[in-house]
N, C-alpha and C. Protein backbone atom coordinates (compact mmCIF):
# COMPACT_ATOMS: atom_id res chain seq x y z
N UNK A 1 -133.08 -55.96 86.17
CA UNK A 1 -132.63 -57.08 86.15
C UNK A 1 -133.30 -57.81 87.56
N UNK A 2 -133.78 -59.02 87.01
CA UNK A 2 -134.24 -59.71 88.27
C UNK A 2 -133.33 -60.08 89.17
N UNK A 3 -133.98 -60.29 90.54
CA UNK A 3 -132.81 -60.78 91.79
C UNK A 3 -133.94 -62.12 92.11
N UNK A 4 -132.71 -62.49 93.00
CA UNK A 4 -133.29 -63.91 93.46
C UNK A 4 -132.75 -63.62 95.03
N UNK A 5 -133.44 -64.66 95.86
CA UNK A 5 -133.22 -64.92 97.05
C UNK A 5 -131.61 -65.43 97.34
N UNK A 6 -130.82 -64.67 98.21
CA UNK A 6 -129.36 -65.25 98.26
C UNK A 6 -129.48 -66.62 98.84
N UNK A 7 -128.50 -67.43 98.48
CA UNK A 7 -128.38 -68.78 99.25
C UNK A 7 -127.40 -68.58 100.21
N UNK A 8 -126.98 -69.78 100.92
CA UNK A 8 -127.46 -71.17 100.51
C UNK A 8 -128.77 -71.40 100.83
N UNK A 9 -129.41 -72.28 99.92
CA UNK A 9 -130.76 -72.81 100.30
C UNK A 9 -130.69 -74.10 100.10
N UNK A 10 -131.65 -74.54 101.09
CA UNK A 10 -131.86 -75.93 101.53
C UNK A 10 -133.42 -76.20 101.25
N UNK A 11 -133.65 -77.44 101.14
CA UNK A 11 -135.19 -78.00 100.65
C UNK A 11 -135.37 -79.15 101.41
N UNK A 12 -136.57 -79.00 102.23
CA UNK A 12 -136.63 -80.26 103.02
C UNK A 12 -137.45 -81.38 102.04
N UNK A 13 -137.99 -82.55 103.04
CA UNK A 13 -138.45 -83.40 101.97
C UNK A 13 -140.11 -82.98 101.95
N UNK A 14 -140.59 -82.11 102.72
CA UNK A 14 -141.68 -81.52 102.32
C UNK A 14 -142.11 -80.75 101.37
N UNK A 15 -140.94 -80.31 100.83
CA UNK A 15 -140.89 -79.06 99.96
C UNK A 15 -140.99 -77.88 100.23
N UNK A 16 -140.48 -77.69 101.44
CA UNK A 16 -140.31 -76.52 101.78
C UNK A 16 -138.78 -75.72 101.24
N UNK A 17 -138.90 -74.67 100.74
CA UNK A 17 -137.31 -74.19 100.36
C UNK A 17 -137.19 -72.88 101.05
N UNK A 18 -135.98 -73.18 101.88
CA UNK A 18 -135.37 -72.32 102.71
C UNK A 18 -133.95 -71.48 102.53
N UNK A 19 -134.23 -70.04 102.49
CA UNK A 19 -132.81 -69.47 102.53
C UNK A 19 -131.99 -69.25 103.88
N UNK A 20 -130.73 -69.85 103.61
CA UNK A 20 -130.05 -69.64 104.96
C UNK A 20 -128.73 -68.47 104.71
N UNK A 21 -129.22 -67.25 104.08
CA UNK A 21 -128.06 -66.25 103.61
C UNK A 21 -127.45 -65.90 104.94
N UNK A 22 -126.34 -65.82 104.42
CA UNK A 22 -125.05 -65.81 105.38
C UNK A 22 -125.27 -64.21 106.34
N UNK A 23 -125.46 -64.60 107.46
CA UNK A 23 -125.74 -63.54 108.25
C UNK A 23 -127.00 -62.89 108.64
N UNK A 24 -127.99 -64.05 107.97
CA UNK A 24 -129.20 -63.66 108.45
C UNK A 24 -129.87 -65.10 109.04
N UNK A 25 -131.39 -64.92 109.54
CA UNK A 25 -131.63 -66.08 109.89
C UNK A 25 -132.42 -66.55 108.85
N UNK A 26 -132.65 -68.16 109.01
CA UNK A 26 -133.32 -68.69 107.89
C UNK A 26 -134.54 -68.27 107.61
N UNK A 27 -135.22 -68.16 106.45
CA UNK A 27 -136.15 -67.71 105.93
C UNK A 27 -136.89 -68.65 104.89
N UNK A 28 -138.21 -69.11 105.12
CA UNK A 28 -138.83 -69.89 103.72
C UNK A 28 -139.28 -69.18 102.66
N UNK A 29 -138.81 -69.58 101.63
CA UNK A 29 -138.64 -68.53 100.48
C UNK A 29 -139.90 -69.35 99.15
N UNK A 30 -140.43 -70.50 99.89
CA UNK A 30 -141.32 -71.40 98.82
C UNK A 30 -141.67 -72.80 99.20
N UNK A 31 -142.46 -73.29 98.57
CA UNK A 31 -142.98 -74.66 98.70
C UNK A 31 -143.10 -75.16 97.48
N UNK A 32 -142.89 -76.32 97.14
CA UNK A 32 -143.26 -76.90 95.99
C UNK A 32 -143.85 -78.34 96.20
N UNK A 33 -144.77 -78.80 95.26
CA UNK A 33 -145.25 -80.06 95.49
C UNK A 33 -144.57 -80.96 94.38
N UNK A 34 -144.29 -82.15 94.80
CA UNK A 34 -143.41 -82.92 94.22
C UNK A 34 -144.35 -84.30 93.54
N UNK A 35 -144.08 -84.44 92.50
CA UNK A 35 -144.30 -86.15 91.66
C UNK A 35 -143.26 -86.82 91.79
N UNK A 36 -143.31 -88.19 91.25
CA UNK A 36 -142.22 -89.01 90.86
C UNK A 36 -141.68 -89.88 92.02
N UNK A 37 -140.78 -90.51 91.60
CA UNK A 37 -140.15 -91.27 92.71
C UNK A 37 -139.51 -90.68 93.56
N UNK A 38 -139.32 -91.24 94.87
CA UNK A 38 -138.54 -90.49 95.81
C UNK A 38 -137.20 -90.03 95.45
N UNK A 39 -136.25 -91.01 94.94
CA UNK A 39 -134.72 -90.71 94.58
C UNK A 39 -134.91 -89.22 93.59
N UNK A 40 -136.04 -89.25 92.81
CA UNK A 40 -135.92 -88.13 91.53
C UNK A 40 -136.49 -87.03 92.33
N UNK A 41 -137.12 -87.11 93.36
CA UNK A 41 -137.65 -86.01 94.01
C UNK A 41 -136.39 -85.33 94.73
N UNK A 42 -135.57 -86.28 95.48
CA UNK A 42 -134.54 -85.84 96.44
C UNK A 42 -133.52 -85.01 95.30
N UNK A 43 -133.29 -85.70 94.24
CA UNK A 43 -132.40 -85.19 93.11
C UNK A 43 -132.93 -83.65 92.68
N UNK A 44 -134.06 -83.68 92.51
CA UNK A 44 -134.81 -82.21 92.05
C UNK A 44 -134.62 -81.22 93.11
N UNK A 45 -134.61 -81.69 94.13
CA UNK A 45 -134.69 -80.94 95.39
C UNK A 45 -133.17 -80.30 95.55
N UNK A 46 -132.15 -81.33 95.41
CA UNK A 46 -130.90 -80.91 95.65
C UNK A 46 -130.47 -79.84 94.60
N UNK A 47 -130.76 -79.92 93.35
CA UNK A 47 -130.63 -79.27 92.12
C UNK A 47 -131.17 -77.98 92.47
N UNK A 48 -132.51 -77.66 92.97
CA UNK A 48 -132.92 -76.35 93.01
C UNK A 48 -132.21 -75.63 94.27
N UNK A 49 -132.09 -76.40 95.47
CA UNK A 49 -131.42 -75.91 96.54
C UNK A 49 -129.98 -75.45 96.01
N UNK A 50 -129.17 -76.05 95.12
CA UNK A 50 -128.09 -75.77 94.77
C UNK A 50 -127.79 -74.40 93.88
N UNK A 51 -129.04 -74.00 93.22
CA UNK A 51 -128.86 -72.93 92.22
C UNK A 51 -128.36 -72.03 92.40
N UNK A 52 -128.51 -71.42 93.59
CA UNK A 52 -128.07 -69.91 93.62
C UNK A 52 -126.60 -70.17 93.88
N UNK A 53 -126.32 -70.86 94.62
CA UNK A 53 -124.65 -71.16 94.71
C UNK A 53 -124.24 -71.49 93.77
N UNK A 54 -124.64 -72.34 92.76
CA UNK A 54 -124.31 -72.46 91.52
C UNK A 54 -124.01 -71.53 90.59
N UNK A 55 -124.97 -70.43 90.78
CA UNK A 55 -124.96 -69.11 89.82
C UNK A 55 -124.05 -68.45 90.39
N UNK A 56 -123.92 -68.04 91.71
CA UNK A 56 -122.84 -67.25 92.07
C UNK A 56 -121.62 -67.94 91.80
N UNK A 57 -121.20 -68.93 91.87
CA UNK A 57 -119.76 -69.50 91.44
C UNK A 57 -119.65 -69.46 90.17
N UNK A 58 -120.58 -69.56 89.14
CA UNK A 58 -120.47 -69.57 88.07
C UNK A 58 -120.00 -67.95 87.59
N UNK A 59 -120.78 -67.06 88.25
CA UNK A 59 -120.34 -65.44 87.83
C UNK A 59 -118.94 -65.37 88.34
N UNK A 60 -118.54 -65.98 89.44
CA UNK A 60 -117.14 -65.44 89.97
C UNK A 60 -116.08 -66.43 88.82
N UNK A 61 -116.43 -67.52 88.41
CA UNK A 61 -115.43 -68.07 87.51
C UNK A 61 -115.17 -67.23 86.18
N UNK A 62 -116.37 -66.82 85.60
CA UNK A 62 -116.63 -65.80 84.65
C UNK A 62 -115.49 -64.56 84.55
N UNK A 63 -115.92 -64.04 85.95
CA UNK A 63 -115.27 -63.03 86.46
C UNK A 63 -113.63 -63.30 86.12
N UNK A 64 -113.51 -64.24 86.95
CA UNK A 64 -111.79 -64.56 86.80
C UNK A 64 -111.19 -65.00 85.69
N UNK A 65 -112.01 -65.59 84.81
CA UNK A 65 -111.63 -66.26 83.57
C UNK A 65 -111.52 -65.11 82.31
N UNK A 66 -112.03 -63.92 82.60
CA UNK A 66 -112.17 -62.82 81.70
C UNK A 66 -110.89 -61.77 82.24
N UNK A 67 -110.38 -62.13 83.06
CA UNK A 67 -109.22 -61.16 83.36
C UNK A 67 -108.05 -61.32 82.16
N UNK A 68 -107.78 -60.20 81.87
CA UNK A 68 -106.67 -60.29 80.64
C UNK A 68 -105.73 -61.18 80.58
N UNK A 69 -104.99 -61.59 82.10
CA UNK A 69 -103.63 -62.51 81.99
C UNK A 69 -103.96 -63.76 81.88
N UNK A 70 -105.42 -64.01 82.41
CA UNK A 70 -105.96 -65.46 82.53
C UNK A 70 -106.53 -65.67 81.09
N UNK A 71 -107.05 -64.82 80.28
CA UNK A 71 -107.46 -65.11 78.96
C UNK A 71 -106.25 -65.35 77.97
N UNK A 72 -105.38 -64.49 78.35
CA UNK A 72 -104.18 -64.51 77.39
C UNK A 72 -103.41 -65.82 77.57
N UNK A 73 -103.37 -66.47 78.85
CA UNK A 73 -102.81 -67.97 79.05
C UNK A 73 -103.72 -68.97 78.17
N UNK A 74 -104.78 -68.68 78.45
CA UNK A 74 -105.98 -69.82 77.57
C UNK A 74 -105.70 -69.62 76.22
N UNK A 75 -105.78 -68.52 75.50
CA UNK A 75 -106.02 -68.34 74.16
C UNK A 75 -104.29 -68.29 73.96
N UNK A 76 -103.59 -68.69 74.64
CA UNK A 76 -101.97 -68.81 73.87
C UNK A 76 -101.69 -70.52 73.88
N UNK A 77 -102.95 -71.19 74.50
CA UNK A 77 -102.44 -72.38 74.58
C UNK A 77 -103.62 -73.22 73.91
N UNK A 78 -103.15 -73.51 72.28
CA UNK A 78 -104.05 -74.35 71.44
C UNK A 78 -104.69 -75.56 71.91
N UNK A 79 -104.04 -76.04 72.96
CA UNK A 79 -104.69 -77.39 73.50
C UNK A 79 -105.94 -77.09 74.46
N UNK A 80 -105.92 -75.91 74.91
CA UNK A 80 -107.01 -75.27 75.73
C UNK A 80 -108.16 -74.27 75.22
N UNK A 81 -107.89 -73.68 74.02
CA UNK A 81 -108.54 -72.45 73.62
C UNK A 81 -109.90 -72.86 73.10
N UNK A 82 -109.61 -73.69 72.03
CA UNK A 82 -111.31 -74.38 71.42
C UNK A 82 -112.16 -74.78 72.49
N UNK A 83 -111.73 -75.76 73.35
CA UNK A 83 -112.49 -76.15 74.24
C UNK A 83 -113.16 -74.97 75.60
N UNK A 84 -112.20 -74.38 75.79
CA UNK A 84 -112.53 -73.25 76.95
C UNK A 84 -113.50 -72.13 76.36
N UNK A 85 -113.40 -71.62 74.72
CA UNK A 85 -114.35 -71.05 74.06
C UNK A 85 -115.20 -71.70 74.24
N UNK A 86 -115.69 -72.94 74.02
CA UNK A 86 -117.07 -73.71 74.09
C UNK A 86 -117.51 -73.73 75.43
N UNK A 87 -116.98 -73.85 76.54
CA UNK A 87 -117.30 -74.07 77.67
C UNK A 87 -117.73 -72.66 78.19
N UNK A 88 -117.19 -71.50 78.19
CA UNK A 88 -117.29 -70.55 78.47
C UNK A 88 -118.56 -69.57 77.99
N UNK A 89 -118.65 -69.98 76.49
CA UNK A 89 -119.96 -69.55 75.70
C UNK A 89 -121.19 -70.20 76.49
N UNK A 90 -121.04 -71.33 76.71
CA UNK A 90 -122.26 -71.92 77.37
C UNK A 90 -122.60 -71.41 78.93
N UNK A 91 -121.35 -71.20 79.59
CA UNK A 91 -121.53 -70.45 80.88
C UNK A 91 -122.10 -68.90 80.62
N UNK A 92 -121.58 -68.31 79.60
CA UNK A 92 -122.42 -67.00 79.51
C UNK A 92 -123.69 -66.95 79.12
N UNK A 93 -124.24 -67.96 78.38
CA UNK A 93 -125.44 -68.33 78.26
C UNK A 93 -126.44 -68.85 79.06
N UNK A 94 -125.90 -69.49 80.31
CA UNK A 94 -126.38 -69.89 81.37
C UNK A 94 -126.64 -68.68 82.15
N UNK A 95 -125.67 -67.95 82.62
CA UNK A 95 -125.68 -66.86 83.68
C UNK A 95 -126.90 -65.54 83.02
N UNK A 96 -126.72 -65.61 81.63
CA UNK A 96 -127.52 -64.52 80.87
C UNK A 96 -129.53 -65.10 81.27
N UNK A 97 -129.26 -66.60 81.23
CA UNK A 97 -130.84 -66.87 81.40
C UNK A 97 -130.99 -66.87 82.87
N UNK A 98 -130.17 -67.04 83.42
CA UNK A 98 -130.55 -67.26 85.18
C UNK A 98 -130.38 -65.75 86.00
N UNK A 99 -129.81 -64.45 85.29
CA UNK A 99 -129.74 -63.11 85.95
C UNK A 99 -130.35 -62.20 85.22
N UNK A 100 -130.26 -62.62 83.54
CA UNK A 100 -130.74 -61.62 83.02
C UNK A 100 -129.76 -60.50 82.63
N UNK A 101 -128.41 -60.74 82.74
CA UNK A 101 -127.44 -60.03 82.59
C UNK A 101 -126.77 -60.47 81.23
N UNK A 102 -126.24 -59.38 80.31
CA UNK A 102 -126.04 -59.37 79.23
C UNK A 102 -124.47 -59.35 79.08
N UNK A 103 -123.66 -60.48 79.27
CA UNK A 103 -122.26 -60.61 79.54
C UNK A 103 -121.52 -60.71 78.28
N UNK A 104 -120.27 -60.01 78.20
CA UNK A 104 -119.65 -59.92 76.56
C UNK A 104 -119.08 -61.24 76.69
N UNK A 105 -118.93 -61.54 75.13
CA UNK A 105 -118.24 -62.61 74.74
C UNK A 105 -117.01 -62.90 75.30
N UNK A 106 -116.52 -63.81 75.74
CA UNK A 106 -115.26 -64.25 76.18
C UNK A 106 -114.31 -64.21 74.89
N UNK A 107 -112.96 -63.53 75.05
CA UNK A 107 -112.63 -63.21 76.22
C UNK A 107 -112.83 -61.60 76.97
N UNK A 108 -113.93 -61.34 76.17
CA UNK A 108 -114.32 -59.59 76.42
C UNK A 108 -114.83 -59.96 77.89
N UNK A 109 -114.47 -58.60 78.59
CA UNK A 109 -114.90 -58.55 80.19
C UNK A 109 -116.02 -57.38 80.49
N UNK A 110 -116.83 -57.57 81.30
CA UNK A 110 -117.84 -56.50 81.56
C UNK A 110 -116.72 -55.39 82.53
N UNK A 111 -116.67 -54.33 81.61
CA UNK A 111 -116.01 -53.38 82.12
C UNK A 111 -116.57 -52.73 83.35
N UNK A 112 -117.99 -52.55 83.74
CA UNK A 112 -118.56 -52.16 85.09
C UNK A 112 -118.13 -53.07 86.06
N UNK A 113 -117.63 -54.23 85.99
CA UNK A 113 -117.54 -54.96 87.17
C UNK A 113 -115.99 -54.92 87.74
N UNK A 114 -116.31 -54.18 88.88
CA UNK A 114 -114.90 -53.74 89.49
C UNK A 114 -114.56 -54.40 90.54
N UNK A 115 -115.15 -55.87 90.62
CA UNK A 115 -114.87 -56.78 91.82
C UNK A 115 -113.22 -57.14 91.88
N UNK A 116 -112.39 -57.23 90.94
CA UNK A 116 -111.27 -57.72 90.98
C UNK A 116 -110.12 -56.25 90.88
N UNK A 117 -110.96 -55.40 90.66
CA UNK A 117 -109.86 -54.20 90.47
C UNK A 117 -109.30 -53.88 91.81
N UNK A 118 -108.11 -52.92 91.55
CA UNK A 118 -107.66 -52.82 93.00
C UNK A 118 -106.31 -52.19 93.37
């Protein structure tokens, strides 16, 4: 499975991308050249810089939402069920693209993920 440099990431206006991984010294992880208007370059830089944190957050949300008691609560509420299934399928697809992991369809859970067991 592919790995990525831990976040949080920051990108400066010159296009340098830095990792400020928790507990480590800042490290430059890449440089990008930009085209387009300054506001668009800034927006692109912010999206790229936030991507590691977004991926980690989405992974945690999927872990939480796949817990049996949470899944049962959502599935037992007609008002939430259909919309939740659409959102979570999209989240599963995005995580698969970003991480290469093959997550089970919700409400199934990855039985090898023991982060909330205890």
